[in-house]
Protein backbone atom coordinates (compact mmCIF):
# COMPACT_ATOMS: atom_id res chain seq x y z
CA MET A 1 5.94 -9.72 24.51
CA ALA A 2 6.53 -13.16 25.34
CA VAL A 3 6.69 -15.83 22.51
CA SER A 4 4.16 -18.38 22.40
CA PRO A 5 4.51 -20.87 19.59
CA TYR A 6 1.23 -22.07 17.58
CA ARG A 7 1.20 -25.13 15.53
CA VAL A 8 0.40 -24.91 12.05
CA THR A 9 -1.22 -27.65 10.02
CA PRO A 10 -1.35 -27.92 5.79
CA THR A 11 -4.84 -27.37 4.62
CA ARG A 12 -6.41 -27.06 0.99
CA ILE A 13 -8.28 -23.69 0.22
CA GLY A 14 -9.95 -23.99 -3.02
CA ASN A 15 -7.47 -25.02 -5.43
CA SER A 16 -4.46 -23.50 -3.44
CA SER A 17 -2.72 -24.72 -0.19
CA GLY A 18 -2.81 -23.26 3.04
CA LEU A 19 -1.51 -23.16 6.41
CA ARG A 20 -4.26 -23.80 9.35
CA LEU A 21 -3.70 -21.61 12.58
CA PRO A 22 -5.40 -22.72 15.75
CA ALA A 23 -7.96 -21.34 17.16
CA ALA A 24 -6.03 -20.41 20.37
CA PHE A 25 -3.99 -17.80 18.01
CA TYR A 26 -6.81 -15.78 17.63
CA ARG A 27 -8.12 -16.06 21.07
CA ASP A 28 -4.86 -15.02 22.18
CA HIS A 29 -4.33 -12.12 19.27
CA PRO A 30 -7.78 -11.27 18.11
CA GLN A 31 -6.39 -8.16 16.12
CA PHE A 32 -5.07 -10.44 13.87
CA ALA A 33 -8.67 -12.28 12.80
CA GLY A 34 -9.16 -11.43 8.91
CA ALA A 35 -6.05 -9.87 8.73
CA ALA A 36 -4.01 -10.35 5.24
CA GLY A 37 -0.32 -9.99 5.16
CA LEU A 38 2.96 -10.98 3.64
CA VAL A 39 5.08 -14.28 3.74
CA GLU A 40 8.86 -14.18 3.38
CA VAL A 41 11.03 -16.89 3.60
CA LEU A 42 14.28 -16.75 5.52
CA ASP A 43 15.83 -20.27 4.98
CA ASP A 44 14.71 -23.61 3.91
CA SER A 45 12.64 -24.00 7.15
CA THR A 46 11.75 -20.64 8.40
CA LEU A 47 8.87 -18.33 7.06
CA LEU A 48 8.28 -15.09 8.37
CA LEU A 49 4.42 -13.89 8.34
CA ARG A 50 3.65 -10.05 8.62
CA LEU A 51 0.11 -9.53 9.12
CA GLU A 52 -1.63 -6.47 8.90
CA PRO A 53 -4.65 -6.12 11.62
CA GLU A 54 -7.87 -5.17 9.38
CA GLU A 55 -8.63 -2.23 11.09
CA GLN A 56 -4.99 -0.78 10.09
CA GLN A 57 -5.68 -1.92 6.51
CA GLN A 58 -9.12 0.27 6.79
CA GLY A 59 -7.90 3.11 8.57
CA GLU A 60 -5.03 3.48 5.73
CA ALA A 61 -7.71 3.38 3.16
CA GLU A 62 -10.00 5.49 5.01
CA GLU A 63 -7.13 8.15 5.06
CA ASP A 64 -6.15 7.82 1.69
CA ILE A 65 -9.95 8.54 0.47
CA LEU A 66 -9.48 11.56 2.86
CA MET A 67 -6.43 12.91 1.47
CA LEU A 68 -7.83 12.19 -2.21
CA GLY A 69 -10.89 14.23 -1.29
CA LEU A 70 -9.22 17.15 0.21
CA PHE A 71 -6.86 17.39 -2.41
CA LEU A 72 -9.43 17.11 -5.35
CA ASP A 73 -11.43 20.02 -3.07
CA PHE A 74 -8.17 22.38 -3.17
CA LEU A 75 -7.84 21.66 -6.83
CA SER A 76 -11.50 22.84 -7.74
CA ARG A 77 -11.16 25.62 -5.34
CA GLN A 78 -8.16 26.83 -7.26
CA ALA A 79 -9.70 26.35 -10.61
CA LEU A 80 -12.72 27.93 -9.90
CA THR A 81 -11.17 31.01 -8.25
CA ALA A 82 -8.69 31.90 -10.76
CA ASP A 83 -8.39 34.79 -12.93
CA GLN A 84 -8.48 32.91 -16.14
CA GLY A 85 -10.04 29.68 -15.12
CA PRO A 86 -8.42 26.18 -15.60
CA VAL A 87 -5.68 25.82 -17.63
CA LEU A 88 -5.56 22.58 -19.84
CA TYR A 89 -2.68 20.69 -20.04
CA THR A 90 -1.65 20.56 -23.84
CA GLU A 91 0.43 18.78 -26.06
CA ALA A 92 3.02 21.63 -26.00
CA MET A 93 3.37 21.46 -22.19
CA ALA A 94 3.89 17.74 -22.42
CA ALA A 95 6.98 18.08 -24.86
CA ASP A 96 8.22 20.93 -22.80
CA ASP A 97 8.05 18.74 -19.90
CA ASP A 98 9.33 15.76 -21.59
CA GLU A 99 12.39 17.91 -22.94
CA LEU A 100 13.05 19.36 -19.17
CA LEU A 101 12.87 15.51 -18.19
CA ALA A 102 15.33 14.30 -21.03
CA GLY A 103 18.19 11.96 -19.49
CA VAL A 104 16.85 12.09 -15.78
CA THR A 105 16.54 8.69 -14.49
CA VAL A 106 14.85 7.91 -11.14
CA ASP A 107 14.67 4.97 -8.77
CA ALA A 108 11.78 3.12 -7.52
CA ALA A 109 10.95 5.64 -4.91
CA GLY A 110 11.04 8.73 -7.52
CA GLU A 111 14.27 9.97 -6.26
CA PRO A 112 16.76 11.08 -9.31
CA LEU A 113 20.06 8.78 -9.47
CA GLY A 114 23.50 9.89 -10.00
CA ALA A 115 22.47 13.43 -8.08
């Protein structure tokens, strides 16, 4: 992929400041029109801008909704077909879980530390 620089200019956006990309950028890269993203400061004069194309954002949200729906359907089916019906999560069960997990520390990804 060829690198072609685009000049950005400062602009006011409501009460905020922003950088305006030229129309040529969107003509050359229409997949980024309306995209949100993240900006990272690499050094005093360099920014890294990661844009997430809008269709990718929508696709991920639709996939999350689909997975949640399938999971809830599964839970409903299990609860309705179980011999004893749904089992309520009680305070005693929560206390047992707390006792089981006492002293367990996890990192941001939910992985146990020191294992």
